[in-house]
Amino acid sequence: MKRINRRQFGKLAAGAAVVIPLARAAAFPLTHPDGAAQDAAPKSATKPALAKEQEEKVAKAVERRNKQLGPMRERVLPYSAEPAFVFQVQSPARREQSGKEQS
């Protein structure tokens, strides 16, 4: 048996990791329990059927949400706004003092 180095082993392992799943997929195509292949286009998402009063409630809730969020969406934050800091930044003088205390 020929000895290989780590680099060659890595290339061989990566190649096997790519080729083996592809070979399995080609050998065993996915099928549904009824025997139909999965080559058909996926179905589009459909809206759940709601009663008329439920649709009205949803429409009112969406309208109310848009009214509530409207002022927040209109507000523009300046680029100079900084996020809150978790830690307080030490000045250089204070860093020197804390370094002397540890010595």
PDB file of N, CA and C in Angstrom:
ATOM      1  N   MET A   1       0.844  -1.174   0.000  1.00  0.00           N
ATOM      2  CA  MET A   1       0.000   0.000   0.000  1.00  0.00           C
ATOM      3  C   MET A   1       0.891   1.240   0.000  1.00  0.00           C
ATOM      4  N   LYS A   2       0.552   2.197  -0.838  1.00  0.00           N
ATOM      5  CA  LYS A   2       1.347   3.412  -0.977  1.00  0.00           C
ATOM      6  C   LYS A   2       1.045   4.368   0.175  1.00  0.00           C
ATOM      7  N   ARG A   3       2.073   4.980   0.733  1.00  0.00           N
ATOM      8  CA  ARG A   3       1.892   5.950   1.817  1.00  0.00           C
ATOM      9  C   ARG A   3       1.546   7.303   1.213  1.00  0.00           C
ATOM     10  N   ILE A   4       0.635   8.016   1.856  1.00  0.00           N
ATOM     11  CA  ILE A   4       0.273   9.354   1.384  1.00  0.00           C
ATOM     12  C   ILE A   4       0.484  10.342   2.525  1.00  0.00           C
ATOM     13  N   ASN A   5       0.726  11.594   2.162  1.00  0.00           N
ATOM     14  CA  ASN A   5       0.910  12.609   3.197  1.00  0.00           C
ATOM     15  C   ASN A   5      -0.435  13.244   3.543  1.00  0.00           C
ATOM     16  N   ARG A   6      -0.415  14.167   4.501  1.00  0.00           N
ATOM     17  CA  ARG A   6      -1.666  14.774   4.981  1.00  0.00           C
ATOM     18  C   ARG A   6      -2.381  15.544   3.880  1.00  0.00           C
ATOM     19  N   ARG A   7      -1.635  16.249   3.058  1.00  0.00           N
ATOM     20  CA  ARG A   7      -2.242  17.047   1.995  1.00  0.00           C
ATOM     21  C   ARG A   7      -2.976  16.154   0.999  1.00  0.00           C
ATOM     22  N   GLN A   8      -2.352  15.059   0.611  1.00  0.00           N
ATOM     23  CA  GLN A   8      -2.998  14.129  -0.322  1.00  0.00           C
ATOM     24  C   GLN A   8      -4.218  13.482   0.317  1.00  0.00           C
ATOM     25  N   PHE A   9      -4.098  13.152   1.598  1.00  0.00           N
ATOM     26  CA  PHE A   9      -5.241  12.561   2.302  1.00  0.00           C
ATOM     27  C   PHE A   9      -6.412  13.550   2.347  1.00  0.00           C
ATOM     28  N   GLY A  10      -6.115  14.814   2.600  1.00  0.00           N
ATOM     29  CA  GLY A  10      -7.170  15.824   2.631  1.00  0.00           C
ATOM     30  C   GLY A  10      -7.879  15.948   1.304  1.00  0.00           C
ATOM     31  N   LYS A  11      -7.121  15.941   0.219  1.00  0.00           N
ATOM     32  CA  LYS A  11      -7.721  16.016  -1.110  1.00  0.00           C
ATOM     33  C   LYS A  11      -8.581  14.789  -1.395  1.00  0.00           C
ATOM     34  N   LEU A  12      -8.087  13.632  -1.001  1.00  0.00           N
ATOM     35  CA  LEU A  12      -8.824  12.395  -1.218  1.00  0.00           C
ATOM     36  C   LEU A  12     -10.126  12.378  -0.411  1.00  0.00           C
ATOM     37  N   ALA A  13     -10.048  12.807   0.847  1.00  0.00           N
ATOM     38  CA  ALA A  13     -11.243  12.827   1.704  1.00  0.00           C
ATOM     39  C   ALA A  13     -12.268  13.839   1.196  1.00  0.00           C
ATOM     40  N   ALA A  14     -11.796  15.011   0.773  1.00  0.00           N
ATOM     41  CA  ALA A  14     -12.722  16.024   0.254  1.00  0.00           C
ATOM     42  C   ALA A  14     -13.392  15.535  -1.028  1.00  0.00           C
ATOM     43  N   GLY A  15     -12.636  14.887  -1.878  1.00  0.00           N
ATOM     44  CA  GLY A  15     -13.215  14.357  -3.112  1.00  0.00           C
ATOM     45  C   GLY A  15     -14.268  13.301  -2.824  1.00  0.00           C
ATOM     46  N   ALA A  16     -13.987  12.441  -1.853  1.00  0.00           N
ATOM     47  CA  ALA A  16     -14.949  11.396  -1.500  1.00  0.00           C
ATOM     48  C   ALA A  16     -16.201  12.007  -0.885  1.00  0.00           C
ATOM     49  N   ALA A  17     -16.022  13.066  -0.095  1.00  0.00           N
ATOM     50  CA  ALA A  17     -17.177  13.704   0.540  1.00  0.00           C
ATOM     51  C   ALA A  17     -18.102  14.332  -0.496  1.00  0.00           C
ATOM     52  N   VAL A  18     -17.560  14.726  -1.620  1.00  0.00           N
ATOM     53  CA  VAL A  18     -18.377  15.327  -2.679  1.00  0.00           C
ATOM     54  C   VAL A  18     -18.972  14.260  -3.588  1.00  0.00           C
ATOM     55  N   VAL A  19     -18.183  13.260  -3.942  1.00  0.00           N
ATOM     56  CA  VAL A  19     -18.597  12.282  -4.951  1.00  0.00           C
ATOM     57  C   VAL A  19     -19.587  11.259  -4.413  1.00  0.00           C
ATOM     58  N   ILE A  20     -19.405  10.789  -3.208  1.00  0.00           N
ATOM     59  CA  ILE A  20     -20.250   9.706  -2.685  1.00  0.00           C
ATOM     60  C   ILE A  20     -21.727  10.109  -2.606  1.00  0.00           C
ATOM     61  N   PRO A  21     -22.094  11.270  -2.039  1.00  0.00           N
ATOM     62  CA  PRO A  21     -23.523  11.626  -2.035  1.00  0.00           C
ATOM     63  C   PRO A  21     -24.102  11.780  -3.443  1.00  0.00           C
ATOM     64  N   LEU A  22     -23.308  12.301  -4.366  1.00  0.00           N
ATOM     65  CA  LEU A  22     -23.802  12.445  -5.742  1.00  0.00           C
ATOM     66  C   LEU A  22     -24.042  11.085  -6.393  1.00  0.00           C
ATOM     67  N   ALA A  23     -23.137  10.143  -6.122  1.00  0.00           N
ATOM     68  CA  ALA A  23     -23.307   8.802  -6.682  1.00  0.00           C
ATOM     69  C   ALA A  23     -24.542   8.123  -6.098  1.00  0.00           C
ATOM     70  N   ARG A  24     -24.765   8.308  -4.797  1.00  0.00           N
ATOM     71  CA  ARG A  24     -25.960   7.721  -4.174  1.00  0.00           C
ATOM     72  C   ARG A  24     -27.229   8.310  -4.762  1.00  0.00           C
ATOM     73  N   ALA A  25     -27.229   9.630  -4.962  1.00  0.00           N
ATOM     74  CA  ALA A  25     -28.417  10.283  -5.504  1.00  0.00           C
ATOM     75  C   ALA A  25     -28.711   9.795  -6.916  1.00  0.00           C
ATOM     76  N   ALA A  26     -27.670   9.545  -7.687  1.00  0.00           N
ATOM     77  CA  ALA A  26     -27.872   9.053  -9.049  1.00  0.00           C
ATOM     78  C   ALA A  26     -28.357   7.605  -9.047  1.00  0.00           C
ATOM     79  N   ALA A  27     -27.860   6.804  -8.103  1.00  0.00           N
ATOM     80  CA  ALA A  27     -28.224   5.391  -8.060  1.00  0.00           C
ATOM     81  C   ALA A  27     -29.623   5.175  -7.492  1.00  0.00           C
ATOM     82  N   PHE A  28     -30.011   5.995  -6.517  1.00  0.00           N
ATOM     83  CA  PHE A  28     -31.305   5.828  -5.847  1.00  0.00           C
ATOM     84  C   PHE A  28     -32.082   7.130  -5.891  1.00  0.00           C
ATOM     85  N   PRO A  29     -32.809   7.419  -6.987  1.00  0.00           N
ATOM     86  CA  PRO A  29     -33.580   8.663  -7.054  1.00  0.00           C
ATOM     87  C   PRO A  29     -34.691   8.667  -6.005  1.00  0.00           C
ATOM     88  N   LEU A  30     -34.956   9.841  -5.472  1.00  0.00           N
ATOM     89  CA  LEU A  30     -35.990   9.974  -4.447  1.00  0.00           C
ATOM     90  C   LEU A  30     -37.368   9.781  -5.062  1.00  0.00           C
ATOM     91  N   THR A  31     -38.198   8.996  -4.401  1.00  0.00           N
ATOM     92  CA  THR A  31     -39.559   8.791  -4.868  1.00  0.00           C
ATOM     93  C   THR A  31     -40.511   8.918  -3.690  1.00  0.00           C
ATOM     94  N   HIS A  32     -41.730   9.250  -4.008  1.00  0.00           N
ATOM     95  CA  HIS A  32     -42.782   9.305  -3.000  1.00  0.00           C
ATOM     96  C   HIS A  32     -43.279   7.889  -2.728  1.00  0.00           C
ATOM     97  N   PRO A  33     -44.003   7.706  -1.614  1.00  0.00           N
ATOM     98  CA  PRO A  33     -44.539   6.369  -1.320  1.00  0.00           C
ATOM     99  C   PRO A  33     -45.426   5.817  -2.434  1.00  0.00           C
ATOM    100  N   ASP A  34     -46.082   6.701  -3.185  1.00  0.00           N
ATOM    101  CA  ASP A  34     -46.940   6.191  -4.262  1.00  0.00           C
ATOM    102  C   ASP A  34     -46.143   5.860  -5.519  1.00  0.00           C
ATOM    103  N   GLY A  35     -44.818   6.059  -5.483  1.00  0.00           N
ATOM    104  CA  GLY A  35     -43.970   5.671  -6.601  1.00  0.00           C
ATOM    105  C   GLY A  35     -43.662   6.791  -7.573  1.00  0.00           C
ATOM    106  N   ALA A  36     -44.239   7.964  -7.385  1.00  0.00           N
ATOM    107  CA  ALA A  36     -43.989   9.078  -8.300  1.00  0.00           C
ATOM    108  C   ALA A  36     -42.655   9.740  -7.958  1.00  0.00           C
ATOM    109  N   ALA A  37     -41.905  10.089  -8.972  1.00  0.00           N
ATOM    110  CA  ALA A  37     -40.623  10.754  -8.754  1.00  0.00           C
ATOM    111  C   ALA A  37     -40.856  12.197  -8.319  1.00  0.00           C
ATOM    112  N   GLN A  38     -39.848  12.804  -7.727  1.00  0.00           N
ATOM    113  CA  GLN A  38     -39.972  14.180  -7.258  1.00  0.00           C
ATOM    114  C   GLN A  38     -39.486  15.179  -8.286  1.00  0.00           C
ATOM    115  N   ASP A  39     -39.660  14.912  -9.546  1.00  0.00           N
ATOM    116  CA  ASP A  39     -39.221  15.818 -10.591  1.00  0.00           C
ATOM    117  C   ASP A  39     -40.227  16.943 -10.822  1.00  0.00           C
ATOM    118  N   ALA A  40     -41.423  16.830 -10.293  1.00  0.00           N
ATOM    119  CA  ALA A  40     -42.453  17.831 -10.516  1.00  0.00           C
ATOM    120  C   ALA A  40     -42.071  19.130  -9.807  1.00  0.00           C
ATOM    121  N   ALA A  41     -42.534  20.247 -10.354  1.00  0.00           N
ATOM    122  CA  ALA A  41     -42.250  21.555  -9.758  1.00  0.00           C
ATOM    123  C   ALA A  41     -42.930  21.648  -8.392  1.00  0.00           C
ATOM    124  N   PRO A  42     -42.309  22.321  -7.446  1.00  0.00           N
ATOM    125  CA  PRO A  42     -42.939  22.442  -6.126  1.00  0.00           C
ATOM    126  C   PRO A  42     -44.204  23.282  -6.209  1.00  0.00           C
ATOM    127  N   LYS A  43     -45.149  22.941  -5.375  1.00  0.00           N
ATOM    128  CA  LYS A  43     -46.408  23.670  -5.359  1.00  0.00           C
ATOM    129  C   LYS A  43     -46.203  25.008  -4.677  1.00  0.00           C
ATOM    130  N   SER A  44     -46.903  26.022  -5.145  1.00  0.00           N
ATOM    131  CA  SER A  44     -46.793  27.336  -4.525  1.00  0.00           C
ATOM    132  C   SER A  44     -47.582  27.339  -3.217  1.00  0.00           C
ATOM    133  N   ALA A  45     -47.153  28.191  -2.309  1.00  0.00           N
ATOM    134  CA  ALA A  45     -47.831  28.286  -1.022  1.00  0.00           C
ATOM    135  C   ALA A  45     -49.218  28.877  -1.236  1.00  0.00           C
ATOM    136  N   THR A  46     -50.207  28.284  -0.624  1.00  0.00           N
ATOM    137  CA  THR A  46     -51.566  28.770  -0.766  1.00  0.00           C
ATOM    138  C   THR A  46     -52.000  29.436   0.526  1.00  0.00           C
ATOM    139  N   LYS A  47     -52.860  30.424   0.395  1.00  0.00           N
ATOM    140  CA  LYS A  47     -53.388  31.094   1.574  1.00  0.00           C
ATOM    141  C   LYS A  47     -54.397  30.168   2.256  1.00  0.00           C
ATOM    142  N   PRO A  48     -54.358  30.139   3.573  1.00  0.00           N
ATOM    143  CA  PRO A  48     -55.369  29.329   4.253  1.00  0.00           C
ATOM    144  C   PRO A  48     -56.749  29.967   4.064  1.00  0.00           C
ATOM    145  N   ALA A  49     -57.746  29.134   3.931  1.00  0.00           N
ATOM    146  CA  ALA A  49     -59.110  29.623   3.730  1.00  0.00           C
ATOM    147  C   ALA A  49     -59.623  30.200   5.044  1.00  0.00           C
ATOM    148  N   LEU A  50     -59.987  31.487   5.019  1.00  0.00           N
ATOM    149  CA  LEU A  50     -60.531  32.151   6.205  1.00  0.00           C
ATOM    150  C   LEU A  50     -61.983  32.522   5.950  1.00  0.00           C
ATOM    151  N   ALA A  51     -62.720  32.548   7.031  1.00  0.00           N
ATOM    152  CA  ALA A  51     -64.097  33.014   6.925  1.00  0.00           C
ATOM    153  C   ALA A  51     -64.064  34.519   6.681  1.00  0.00           C
ATOM    154  N   LYS A  52     -65.186  35.066   6.187  1.00  0.00           N
ATOM    155  CA  LYS A  52     -65.233  36.478   5.848  1.00  0.00           C
ATOM    156  C   LYS A  52     -64.944  37.359   7.058  1.00  0.00           C
ATOM    157  N   GLU A  53     -65.483  37.011   8.208  1.00  0.00           N
ATOM    158  CA  GLU A  53     -65.249  37.826   9.416  1.00  0.00           C
ATOM    159  C   GLU A  53     -63.786  37.724   9.867  1.00  0.00           C
ATOM    160  N   GLN A  54     -63.162  36.563   9.671  1.00  0.00           N
ATOM    161  CA  GLN A  54     -61.752  36.423  10.010  1.00  0.00           C
ATOM    162  C   GLN A  54     -60.892  37.292   9.090  1.00  0.00           C
ATOM    163  N   GLU A  55     -61.233  37.336   7.808  1.00  0.00           N
ATOM    164  CA  GLU A  55     -60.507  38.177   6.866  1.00  0.00           C
ATOM    165  C   GLU A  55     -60.616  39.647   7.249  1.00  0.00           C
ATOM    166  N   GLU A  56     -61.820  40.056   7.701  1.00  0.00           N
ATOM    167  CA  GLU A  56     -62.015  41.445   8.125  1.00  0.00           C
ATOM    168  C   GLU A  56     -61.164  41.758   9.351  1.00  0.00           C
ATOM    169  N   LYS A  57     -61.101  40.823  10.303  1.00  0.00           N
ATOM    170  CA  LYS A  57     -60.289  41.031  11.500  1.00  0.00           C
ATOM    171  C   LYS A  57     -58.813  41.146  11.139  1.00  0.00           C
ATOM    172  N   VAL A  58     -58.374  40.308  10.226  1.00  0.00           N
ATOM    173  CA  VAL A  58     -56.973  40.351   9.810  1.00  0.00           C
ATOM    174  C   VAL A  58     -56.675  41.672   9.118  1.00  0.00           C
ATOM    175  N   ALA A  59     -57.574  42.115   8.248  1.00  0.00           N
ATOM    176  CA  ALA A  59     -57.375  43.380   7.538  1.00  0.00           C
ATOM    177  C   ALA A  59     -57.307  44.541   8.523  1.00  0.00           C
ATOM    178  N   LYS A  60     -58.178  44.552   9.540  1.00  0.00           N
ATOM    179  CA  LYS A  60     -58.156  45.616  10.551  1.00  0.00           C
ATOM    180  C   LYS A  60     -56.861  45.567  11.360  1.00  0.00           C
ATOM    181  N   ALA A  61     -56.413  44.362  11.702  1.00  0.00           N
ATOM    182  CA  ALA A  61     -55.176  44.229  12.478  1.00  0.00           C
ATOM    183  C   ALA A  61     -53.973  44.721  11.682  1.00  0.00           C
ATOM    184  N   VAL A  62     -53.939  44.413  10.382  1.00  0.00           N
ATOM    185  CA  VAL A  62     -52.834  44.873   9.531  1.00  0.00           C
ATOM    186  C   VAL A  62     -52.867  46.400   9.420  1.00  0.00           C
ATOM    187  N   GLU A  63     -54.054  46.959   9.253  1.00  0.00           N
ATOM    188  CA  GLU A  63     -54.186  48.411   9.155  1.00  0.00           C
ATOM    189  C   GLU A  63     -53.743  49.082  10.456  1.00  0.00           C
ATOM    190  N   ARG A  64     -54.154  48.531  11.590  1.00  0.00           N
ATOM    191  CA  ARG A  64     -53.768  49.079  12.895  1.00  0.00           C
ATOM    192  C   ARG A  64     -52.248  49.000  13.091  1.00  0.00           C
ATOM    193  N   ARG A  65     -51.668  47.884  12.688  1.00  0.00           N
ATOM    194  CA  ARG A  65     -50.214  47.728  12.810  1.00  0.00           C
ATOM    195  C   ARG A  65     -49.487  48.752  11.955  1.00  0.00           C
ATOM    196  N   ASN A  66     -49.962  48.953  10.731  1.00  0.00           N
ATOM    197  CA  ASN A  66     -49.325  49.930   9.852  1.00  0.00           C
ATOM    198  C   ASN A  66     -49.440  51.345  10.412  1.00  0.00           C
ATOM    199  N   LYS A  67     -50.570  51.670  11.046  1.00  0.00           N
ATOM    200  CA  LYS A  67     -50.733  52.985  11.668  1.00  0.00           C
ATOM    201  C   LYS A  67     -49.749  53.144  12.829  1.00  0.00           C
ATOM    202  N   GLN A  68     -49.591  52.107  13.632  1.00  0.00           N
ATOM    203  CA  GLN A  68     -48.710  52.181  14.795  1.00  0.00           C
ATOM    204  C   GLN A  68     -47.238  52.261  14.384  1.00  0.00           C
ATOM    205  N   LEU A  69     -46.863  51.551  13.329  1.00  0.00           N
ATOM    206  CA  LEU A  69     -45.466  51.525  12.917  1.00  0.00           C
ATOM    207  C   LEU A  69     -45.098  52.668  11.981  1.00  0.00           C
ATOM    208  N   GLY A  70     -46.089  53.379  11.454  1.00  0.00           N
ATOM    209  CA  GLY A  70     -45.830  54.460  10.515  1.00  0.00           C
ATOM    210  C   GLY A  70     -44.862  55.506  11.042  1.00  0.00           C
ATOM    211  N   PRO A  71     -45.106  56.067  12.230  1.00  0.00           N
ATOM    212  CA  PRO A  71     -44.175  57.084  12.744  1.00  0.00           C
ATOM    213  C   PRO A  71     -42.754  56.548  12.957  1.00  0.00           C
ATOM    214  N   MET A  72     -42.627  55.311  13.368  1.00  0.00           N
ATOM    215  CA  MET A  72     -41.287  54.754  13.566  1.00  0.00           C
ATOM    216  C   MET A  72     -40.564  54.573  12.233  1.00  0.00           C
ATOM    217  N   ARG A  73     -41.284  54.182  11.207  1.00  0.00           N
ATOM    218  CA  ARG A  73     -40.653  53.987   9.899  1.00  0.00           C
ATOM    219  C   ARG A  73     -40.252  55.317   9.270  1.00  0.00           C
ATOM    220  N   GLU A  74     -40.985  56.391   9.585  1.00  0.00           N
ATOM    221  CA  GLU A  74     -40.673  57.701   9.036  1.00  0.00           C
ATOM    222  C   GLU A  74     -39.453  58.324   9.706  1.00  0.00           C
ATOM    223  N   ARG A  75     -39.171  57.955  10.934  1.00  0.00           N
ATOM    224  CA  ARG A  75     -38.052  58.543  11.673  1.00  0.00           C
ATOM    225  C   ARG A  75     -36.733  58.088  11.060  1.00  0.00           C
ATOM    226  N   VAL A  76     -35.827  59.041  10.886  1.00  0.00           N
ATOM    227  CA  VAL A  76     -34.521  58.757  10.308  1.00  0.00           C
ATOM    228  C   VAL A  76     -33.480  58.850  11.417  1.00  0.00           C
ATOM    229  N   LEU A  77     -32.672  57.817  11.549  1.00  0.00           N
ATOM    230  CA  LEU A  77     -31.611  57.835  12.541  1.00  0.00           C
ATOM    231  C   LEU A  77     -30.348  58.392  11.913  1.00  0.00           C
ATOM    232  N   PRO A  78     -29.664  59.295  12.607  1.00  0.00           N
ATOM    233  CA  PRO A  78     -28.431  59.833  12.049  1.00  0.00           C
ATOM    234  C   PRO A  78     -27.322  58.789  12.077  1.00  0.00           C
ATOM    235  N   TYR A  79     -26.398  58.915  11.140  1.00  0.00           N
ATOM    236  CA  TYR A  79     -25.286  57.976  11.086  1.00  0.00           C
ATOM    237  C   TYR A  79     -24.382  58.113  12.299  1.00  0.00           C
ATOM    238  N   SER A  80     -24.404  59.274  12.944  1.00  0.00           N
ATOM    239  CA  SER A  80     -23.520  59.489  14.093  1.00  0.00           C
ATOM    240  C   SER A  80     -24.039  58.800  15.353  1.00  0.00           C
ATOM    241  N   ALA A  81     -25.229  58.265  15.318  1.00  0.00           N
ATOM    242  CA  ALA A  81     -25.767  57.575  16.485  1.00  0.00           C
ATOM    243  C   ALA A  81     -24.939  56.322  16.749  1.00  0.00           C
ATOM    244  N   GLU A  82     -24.446  56.189  17.972  1.00  0.00           N
ATOM    245  CA  GLU A  82     -23.614  55.043  18.323  1.00  0.00           C
ATOM    246  C   GLU A  82     -24.426  54.047  19.138  1.00  0.00           C
ATOM    247  N   PRO A  83     -24.085  52.779  19.046  1.00  0.00           N
ATOM    248  CA  PRO A  83     -24.787  51.791  19.872  1.00  0.00           C
ATOM    249  C   PRO A  83     -24.372  51.939  21.337  1.00  0.00           C
ATOM    250  N   ALA A  84     -25.168  51.401  22.217  1.00  0.00           N
ATOM    251  CA  ALA A  84     -24.857  51.447  23.641  1.00  0.00           C
ATOM    252  C   ALA A  84     -23.646  50.569  23.921  1.00  0.00           C
ATOM    253  N   PHE A  85     -22.797  51.040  24.809  1.00  0.00           N
ATOM    254  CA  PHE A  85     -21.605  50.280  25.174  1.00  0.00           C
ATOM    255  C   PHE A  85     -21.892  49.445  26.406  1.00  0.00           C
ATOM    256  N   VAL A  86     -21.404  48.231  26.406  1.00  0.00           N
ATOM    257  CA  VAL A  86     -21.545  47.374  27.570  1.00  0.00           C
ATOM    258  C   VAL A  86     -20.445  47.709  28.577  1.00  0.00           C
ATOM    259  N   PHE A  87     -19.254  47.986  28.057  1.00  0.00           N
ATOM    260  CA  PHE A  87     -18.118  48.303  28.902  1.00  0.00           C
ATOM    261  C   PHE A  87     -17.768  49.768  28.747  1.00  0.00           C
ATOM    262  N   GLN A  88     -17.317  50.362  29.815  1.00  0.00           N
ATOM    263  CA  GLN A  88     -16.915  51.756  29.766  1.00  0.00           C
ATOM    264  C   GLN A  88     -15.469  51.839  29.291  1.00  0.00           C
ATOM    265  N   VAL A  89     -15.196  52.737  28.383  1.00  0.00           N
ATOM    266  CA  VAL A  89     -13.862  52.897  27.836  1.00  0.00           C
ATOM    267  C   VAL A  89     -13.012  53.654  28.856  1.00  0.00           C
ATOM    268  N   GLN A  90     -11.809  53.138  29.109  1.00  0.00           N
ATOM    269  CA  GLN A  90     -10.922  53.796  30.060  1.00  0.00           C
ATOM    270  C   GLN A  90     -10.032  54.785  29.332  1.00  0.00           C
ATOM    271  N   SER A  91      -9.799  55.918  29.957  1.00  0.00           N
ATOM    272  CA  SER A  91      -8.876  56.897  29.392  1.00  0.00           C
ATOM    273  C   SER A  91      -7.451  56.389  29.578  1.00  0.00           C
ATOM    274  N   PRO A  92      -6.482  56.885  28.786  1.00  0.00           N
ATOM    275  CA  PRO A  92      -5.101  56.420  28.931  1.00  0.00           C
ATOM    276  C   PRO A  92      -4.546  56.634  30.338  1.00  0.00           C
ATOM    277  N   ALA A  93      -4.881  57.764  30.988  1.00  0.00           N
ATOM    278  CA  ALA A  93      -4.386  58.018  32.338  1.00  0.00           C
ATOM    279  C   ALA A  93      -4.913  56.977  33.315  1.00  0.00           C
ATOM    280  N   ARG A  94      -6.158  56.624  33.163  1.00  0.00           N
ATOM    281  CA  ARG A  94      -6.752  55.645  34.075  1.00  0.00           C
ATOM    282  C   ARG A  94      -6.147  54.262  33.852  1.00  0.00           C
ATOM    283  N   ARG A  95      -5.835  53.926  32.579  1.00  0.00           N
ATOM    284  CA  ARG A  95      -5.199  52.647  32.292  1.00  0.00           C
ATOM    285  C   ARG A  95      -3.855  52.540  32.986  1.00  0.00           C
ATOM    286  N   GLU A  96      -3.094  53.646  32.974  1.00  0.00           N
ATOM    287  CA  GLU A  96      -1.788  53.643  33.630  1.00  0.00           C
ATOM    288  C   GLU A  96      -1.937  53.430  35.127  1.00  0.00           C
ATOM    289  N   GLN A  97      -2.955  54.058  35.736  1.00  0.00           N
ATOM    290  CA  GLN A  97      -3.173  53.896  37.167  1.00  0.00           C
ATOM    291  C   GLN A  97      -3.536  52.457  37.516  1.00  0.00           C
ATOM    292  N   SER A  98      -4.403  51.843  36.734  1.00  0.00           N
ATOM    293  CA  SER A  98      -4.815  50.470  37.025  1.00  0.00           C
ATOM    294  C   SER A  98      -3.645  49.507  36.803  1.00  0.00           C
ATOM    295  N   GLY A  99      -2.747  49.838  35.871  1.00  0.00           N
ATOM    296  CA  GLY A  99      -1.572  48.993  35.631  1.00  0.00           C
ATOM    297  C   GLY A  99      -0.596  49.066  36.795  1.00  0.00           C
ATOM    298  N   LYS A 100      -0.458  50.231  37.430  1.00  0.00           N
ATOM    299  CA  LYS A 100       0.458  50.386  38.560  1.00  0.00           C
ATOM    300  C   LYS A 100      -0.067  49.653  39.788  1.00  0.00           C
ATOM    301  N   GLU A 101      -1.397  49.625  39.948  1.00  0.00           N
ATOM    302  CA  GLU A 101      -1.987  48.954  41.102  1.00  0.00           C
ATOM    303  C   GLU A 101      -1.777  47.453  41.038  1.00  0.00           C
ATOM    304  N   GLN A 102      -1.764  46.866  39.842  1.00  0.00           N
ATOM    305  CA  GLN A 102      -1.609  45.426  39.699  1.00  0.00           C
ATOM    306  C   GLN A 102      -0.189  44.993  39.955  1.00  0.00           C
ATOM    307  N   SER A 103       0.789  45.865  39.767  1.00  0.00           N
ATOM    308  CA  SER A 103       2.208  45.494  39.942  1.00  0.00           C
ATOM    309  C   SER A 103       2.580  45.295  41.367  1.00  0.00           C
TER     310      SER A 103
END
